[in-house]
C-alpha atoms as a PDB file:
ATOM      1  CA  MET A   1     156.446 -27.963  34.129  1.00  0.00           C
ATOM      2  CA  SER A   2     157.274 -31.660  34.118  1.00  0.00           C
ATOM      3  CA  MET A   3     154.247 -33.749  33.345  1.00  0.00           C
ATOM      4  CA  ALA A   4     153.597 -37.339  32.300  1.00  0.00           C
ATOM      5  CA  LYS A   5     155.049 -38.539  29.015  1.00  0.00           C
ATOM      6  CA  GLY A   6     151.668 -39.053  27.380  1.00  0.00           C
ATOM      7  CA  ARG A   7     150.045 -42.161  25.940  1.00  0.00           C
ATOM      8  CA  GLU A   8     150.729 -43.825  22.623  1.00  0.00           C
ATOM      9  CA  VAL A   9     147.415 -43.991  20.759  1.00  0.00           C
ATOM     10  CA  ASN A  10     146.138 -44.597  17.248  1.00  0.00           C
ATOM     11  CA  ARG A  11     144.195 -42.095  15.113  1.00  0.00           C
ATOM     12  CA  ILE A  12     140.777 -43.195  16.406  1.00  0.00           C
ATOM     13  CA  GLU A  13     141.834 -43.000  20.047  1.00  0.00           C
ATOM     14  CA  LEU A  14     143.449 -39.607  19.451  1.00  0.00           C
ATOM     15  CA  ALA A  15     140.215 -38.275  17.968  1.00  0.00           C
ATOM     16  CA  GLU A  16     138.269 -39.555  20.980  1.00  0.00           C
ATOM     17  CA  ILE A  17     140.728 -38.163  23.520  1.00  0.00           C
ATOM     18  CA  PHE A  18     140.735 -34.707  21.946  1.00  0.00           C
ATOM     19  CA  GLY A  19     137.019 -34.766  21.137  1.00  0.00           C
ATOM     20  CA  VAL A  20     137.433 -34.205  17.402  1.00  0.00           C
ATOM     21  CA  ALA A  21     136.483 -36.054  14.238  1.00  0.00           C
ATOM     22  CA  ARG A  22     138.937 -38.470  12.623  1.00  0.00           C
ATOM     23  CA  THR A  23     139.062 -36.167   9.631  1.00  0.00           C
ATOM     24  CA  THR A  24     140.321 -33.453  11.960  1.00  0.00           C
ATOM     25  CA  VAL A  25     143.167 -35.719  13.033  1.00  0.00           C
ATOM     26  CA  ASP A  26     143.939 -36.290   9.335  1.00  0.00           C
ATOM     27  CA  ALA A  27     144.024 -32.511   8.825  1.00  0.00           C
ATOM     28  CA  TRP A  28     146.393 -32.175  11.801  1.00  0.00           C
ATOM     29  CA  VAL A  29     148.710 -34.748  10.216  1.00  0.00           C
ATOM     30  CA  ARG A  30     148.725 -32.794   6.958  1.00  0.00           C
ATOM     31  CA  ARG A  31     149.626 -29.657   8.963  1.00  0.00           C
ATOM     32  CA  GLY A  32     152.553 -31.438  10.639  1.00  0.00           C
ATOM     33  CA  CYS A  33     151.095 -33.053  13.757  1.00  0.00           C
ATOM     34  CA  PRO A  34     153.779 -35.291  15.291  1.00  0.00           C
ATOM     35  CA  GLY A  35     153.255 -39.024  15.095  1.00  0.00           C
ATOM     36  CA  SER A  36     155.025 -42.187  14.102  1.00  0.00           C
ATOM     37  CA  PRO A  37     154.602 -42.882  10.396  1.00  0.00           C
ATOM     38  CA  SER A  38     152.507 -45.845   9.385  1.00  0.00           C
ATOM     39  CA  ARG A  39     154.679 -48.815   8.485  1.00  0.00           C
ATOM     40  CA  GLY A  40     153.145 -50.231   5.372  1.00  0.00           C
ATOM     41  CA  ARG A  41     149.676 -50.995   4.219  1.00  0.00           C
ATOM     42  CA  GLY A  42     147.170 -51.657   6.971  1.00  0.00           C
ATOM     43  CA  ARG A  43     149.477 -50.325   9.678  1.00  0.00           C
ATOM     44  CA  GLU A  44     148.237 -47.303  11.585  1.00  0.00           C
ATOM     45  CA  ARG A  45     150.099 -44.171  12.512  1.00  0.00           C
ATOM     46  CA  HIS A  46     150.543 -43.761  16.277  1.00  0.00           C
ATOM     47  CA  PHE A  47     150.576 -40.554  18.275  1.00  0.00           C
ATOM     48  CA  ASN A  48     151.883 -39.539  21.682  1.00  0.00           C
ATOM     49  CA  THR A  49     149.123 -37.540  23.405  1.00  0.00           C
ATOM     50  CA  ARG A  50     151.644 -35.270  25.148  1.00  0.00           C
ATOM     51  CA  ASP A  51     153.399 -34.450  21.862  1.00  0.00           C
ATOM     52  CA  VAL A  52     150.086 -33.762  20.136  1.00  0.00           C
ATOM     53  CA  SER A  53     148.941 -31.564  23.024  1.00  0.00           C
ATOM     54  CA  GLU A  54     152.143 -29.519  22.835  1.00  0.00           C
ATOM     55  CA  TRP A  55     151.859 -29.292  19.045  1.00  0.00           C
ATOM     56  CA  LEU A  56     148.264 -28.040  19.328  1.00  0.00           C
ATOM     57  CA  ARG A  57     149.344 -25.476  21.920  1.00  0.00           C
ATOM     58  CA  ASP A  58     152.144 -24.297  19.606  1.00  0.00           C
ATOM     59  CA  GLN A  59     149.704 -24.083  16.692  1.00  0.00           C
ATOM     60  CA  ALA A  60     147.281 -22.045  18.783  1.00  0.00           C
ATOM     61  CA  ARG A  61     150.080 -19.750  19.918  1.00  0.00           C
ATOM     62  CA  ALA A  62     151.227 -19.222  16.313  1.00  0.00           C
ATOM     63  CA  ASP A  63     147.655 -18.544  15.237  1.00  0.00           C
ATOM     64  CA  ALA A  64     147.189 -16.080  18.099  1.00  0.00           C
ATOM     65  CA  GLU A  65     150.314 -14.178  17.084  1.00  0.00           C
ATOM     66  CA  SER A  66     149.215 -14.001  13.460  1.00  0.00           C
ATOM     67  CA  ASP A  67     147.478 -10.899  12.140  1.00  0.00           C
ATOM     68  CA  GLU A  68     145.285 -12.972   9.861  1.00  0.00           C
ATOM     69  CA  PRO A  69     141.668 -13.536  10.926  1.00  0.00           C
ATOM     70  CA  LEU A  70     141.095 -16.941  12.497  1.00  0.00           C
ATOM     71  CA  ASP A  71     138.759 -19.438  10.936  1.00  0.00           C
ATOM     72  CA  GLU A  72     136.456 -21.695  12.941  1.00  0.00           C
ATOM     73  CA  TYR A  73     138.975 -24.557  12.857  1.00  0.00           C
ATOM     74  CA  ALA A  74     141.762 -22.349  14.210  1.00  0.00           C
ATOM     75  CA  LEU A  75     139.489 -21.086  16.963  1.00  0.00           C
ATOM     76  CA  LYS A  76     138.632 -24.665  17.928  1.00  0.00           C
ATOM     77  CA  LEU A  77     142.361 -25.456  18.064  1.00  0.00           C
ATOM     78  CA  ARG A  78     142.985 -22.470  20.310  1.00  0.00           C
ATOM     79  CA  LYS A  79     140.139 -23.491  22.583  1.00  0.00           C
ATOM     80  CA  LEU A  80     141.395 -27.074  22.707  1.00  0.00           C
ATOM     81  CA  ALA A  81     144.925 -25.913  23.493  1.00  0.00           C
ATOM     82  CA  ALA A  82     143.642 -23.608  26.247  1.00  0.00           C
ATOM     83  CA  GLU A  83     141.533 -26.406  27.737  1.00  0.00           C
ATOM     84  CA  THR A  84     144.519 -28.761  27.612  1.00  0.00           C
ATOM     85  CA  THR A  85     146.751 -26.211  29.314  1.00  0.00           C
ATOM     86  CA  GLN A  86     144.077 -25.629  31.965  1.00  0.00           C
ATOM     87  CA  ALA A  87     143.704 -29.371  32.580  1.00  0.00           C
ATOM     88  CA  GLU A  88     147.487 -29.777  32.876  1.00  0.00           C
ATOM     89  CA  LEU A  89     147.656 -26.891  35.340  1.00  0.00           C
ATOM     90  CA  GLU A  90     144.809 -28.329  37.423  1.00  0.00           C
ATOM     91  CA  LEU A  91     146.576 -31.700  37.453  1.00  0.00           C
ATOM     92  CA  ALA A  92     149.846 -30.095  38.558  1.00  0.00           C
ATOM     93  CA  VAL A  93     148.015 -28.244  41.352  1.00  0.00           C
ATOM     94  CA  SER A  94     146.265 -31.430  42.500  1.00  0.00           C
ATOM     95  CA  LEU A  95     149.621 -33.250  42.519  1.00  0.00           C
ATOM     96  CA  ARG A  96     151.013 -30.323  44.539  1.00  0.00           C
ATOM     97  CA  GLN A  97     153.685 -29.670  41.891  1.00  0.00           C
ATOM     98  CA  VAL A  98     152.679 -26.013  41.689  1.00  0.00           C
ATOM     99  CA  ALA A  99     150.782 -23.631  43.939  1.00  0.00           C
ATOM    100  CA  PRO A 100     148.687 -20.563  43.228  1.00  0.00           C
ATOM    101  CA  ILE A 101     150.707 -17.366  43.531  1.00  0.00           C
ATOM    102  CA  ASP A 102     148.514 -15.969  46.312  1.00  0.00           C
ATOM    103  CA  GLU A 103     149.061 -19.152  48.369  1.00  0.00           C
ATOM    104  CA  PHE A 104     152.821 -18.930  47.838  1.00  0.00           C
ATOM    105  CA  GLU A 105     152.830 -15.235  48.781  1.00  0.00           C
ATOM    106  CA  ARG A 106     150.847 -15.946  51.986  1.00  0.00           C
ATOM    107  CA  ALA A 107     153.274 -18.728  52.925  1.00  0.00           C
ATOM    108  CA  ARG A 108     156.241 -16.418  52.352  1.00  0.00           C
ATOM    109  CA  ALA A 109     154.602 -13.675  54.417  1.00  0.00           C
ATOM    110  CA  LEU A 110     154.031 -16.119  57.286  1.00  0.00           C
ATOM    111  CA  GLU A 111     157.638 -17.328  57.057  1.00  0.00           C
ATOM    112  CA  ASN A 112     158.900 -13.738  57.113  1.00  0.00           C
ATOM    113  CA  ALA A 113     156.675 -12.921  60.096  1.00  0.00           C
ATOM    114  CA  THR A 114     158.028 -15.946  61.980  1.00  0.00           C
ATOM    115  CA  ILE A 115     161.633 -14.956  61.252  1.00  0.00           C
ATOM    116  CA  ARG A 116     160.950 -11.349  62.276  1.00  0.00           C
ATOM    117  CA  ALA A 117     159.264 -12.388  65.531  1.00  0.00           C
ATOM    118  CA  ASN A 118     162.132 -14.725  66.433  1.00  0.00           C
ATOM    119  CA  VAL A 119     164.809 -12.130  65.663  1.00  0.00           C
ATOM    120  CA  MET A 120     162.935  -9.374  67.501  1.00  0.00           C
ATOM    121  CA  ASN A 121     162.820 -11.605  70.616  1.00  0.00           C
ATOM    122  CA  VAL A 122     166.622 -11.906  70.706  1.00  0.00           C
ATOM    123  CA  PRO A 123     167.231  -8.729  72.772  1.00  0.00           C
ATOM    124  CA  SER A 124     164.881  -9.820  75.575  1.00  0.00           C
ATOM    125  CA  ARG A 125     166.500 -13.272  75.676  1.00  0.00           C
ATOM    126  CA  VAL A 126     170.123 -12.051  75.778  1.00  0.00           C
ATOM    127  CA  ILE A 127     169.854  -8.988  77.974  1.00  0.00           C
ATOM    128  CA  SER A 128     170.393 -10.912  81.219  1.00  0.00           C
ATOM    129  CA  LEU A 129     173.379 -12.707  79.673  1.00  0.00           C
ATOM    130  CA  LEU A 130     175.013  -9.490  78.527  1.00  0.00           C
ATOM    131  CA  ILE A 131     174.402  -7.091  81.431  1.00  0.00           C
ATOM    132  CA  GLY A 132     177.800  -5.913  82.596  1.00  0.00           C
ATOM    133  CA  GLU A 133     179.608  -7.740  79.802  1.00  0.00           C
ATOM    134  CA  THR A 134     182.667  -5.782  78.705  1.00  0.00           C
ATOM    135  CA  ASN A 135     184.304  -8.376  76.486  1.00  0.00           C
ATOM    136  CA  GLU A 136     183.343  -7.505  72.917  1.00  0.00           C
ATOM    137  CA  ALA A 137     184.152 -11.007  71.630  1.00  0.00           C
ATOM    138  CA  ARG A 138     181.869 -12.592  74.258  1.00  0.00           C
ATOM    139  CA  PHE A 139     179.130 -10.077  73.456  1.00  0.00           C
ATOM    140  CA  LYS A 140     179.313 -10.946  69.739  1.00  0.00           C
ATOM    141  CA  GLU A 141     179.425 -14.681  70.498  1.00  0.00           C
ATOM    142  CA  VAL A 142     176.261 -14.602  72.638  1.00  0.00           C
ATOM    143  CA  LEU A 143     174.422 -12.379  70.177  1.00  0.00           C
ATOM    144  CA  ALA A 144     175.429 -14.505  67.159  1.00  0.00           C
ATOM    145  CA  ALA A 145     174.410 -17.723  68.933  1.00  0.00           C
ATOM    146  CA  GLU A 146     170.975 -16.268  69.762  1.00  0.00           C
ATOM    147  CA  LEU A 147     170.462 -15.030  66.203  1.00  0.00           C
ATOM    148  CA  VAL A 148     171.396 -18.450  64.809  1.00  0.00           C
ATOM    149  CA  GLN A 149     168.973 -20.092  67.252  1.00  0.00           C
ATOM    150  CA  ALA A 150     166.216 -17.647  66.243  1.00  0.00           C
ATOM    151  CA  LEU A 151     166.761 -18.354  62.526  1.00  0.00           C
ATOM    152  CA  GLU A 152     166.985 -22.126  63.013  1.00  0.00           C
ATOM    153  CA  SER A 153     163.805 -22.067  65.072  1.00  0.00           C
ATOM    154  CA  ALA A 154     162.050 -20.136  62.304  1.00  0.00           C
ATOM    155  CA  ALA A 155     163.336 -22.604  59.686  1.00  0.00           C
ATOM    156  CA  GLU A 156     161.946 -25.531  61.673  1.00  0.00           C
ATOM    157  CA  ALA A 157     158.551 -23.896  62.224  1.00  0.00           C
ATOM    158  CA  ASP A 158     155.621 -25.516  60.470  1.00  0.00           C
ATOM    159  CA  ILE A 159     153.899 -22.840  58.431  1.00  0.00           C
ATOM    160  CA  GLU A 160     150.277 -23.829  57.918  1.00  0.00           C
ATOM    161  CA  LEU A 161     148.005 -21.861  55.672  1.00  0.00           C
ATOM    162  CA  ASP A 162     144.403 -21.498  56.761  1.00  0.00           C
ATOM    163  CA  ASP A 163     142.516 -23.478  54.096  1.00  0.00           C
ATOM    164  CA  GLU A 164     139.497 -21.200  54.177  1.00  0.00           C
ATOM    165  CA  ALA A 165     141.624 -18.107  53.652  1.00  0.00           C
ATOM    166  CA  GLY A 166     143.651 -19.899  50.976  1.00  0.00           C
ATOM    167  CA  ASP A 167     140.748 -21.126  48.882  1.00  0.00           C
ATOM    168  CA  GLY A 168     139.889 -17.775  47.449  1.00  0.00           C
ATOM    169  CA  GLY A 169     136.787 -19.428  46.045  1.00  0.00           C
ATOM    170  CA  HIS A 170     138.785 -22.044  44.066  1.00  0.00           C
ATOM    171  CA  ASP A 171     137.887 -25.728  44.189  1.00  0.00           C
END
């Protein structure tokens, strides 16, 4: 999923954004958290929030795949990574970059129903044109033209999902 590039922040801002203590950020750095190195005395290290979020998610994934018992810190990292992933997903949904699977499936079902209805109406539309027709080429031409029209009409149809049916209780 393509999201924003993140914000460049210092250690204090990073701690505030992720809701952790500054000492936690220091521990992340010791564990390999990505950030620009400080350039001399009195210069702070800077972090990209997107990079840190991805790093935390990777750390949580690695911890989840490990057979070792998780300590409280690791559990907090997993929770933070899950909350970050959830927030990113909610943002993508609100920006209409992704859609819930059930909404997509309903839209596809409606599209398929529209195509089916249009194609099934072809015989009743062409019967008067083809009665008594003996030229096979003409028969195929009329039938093909009607099928193309039916498919084009279905492609141009506006498929609208009923919001109440699509909510499924989600806000």
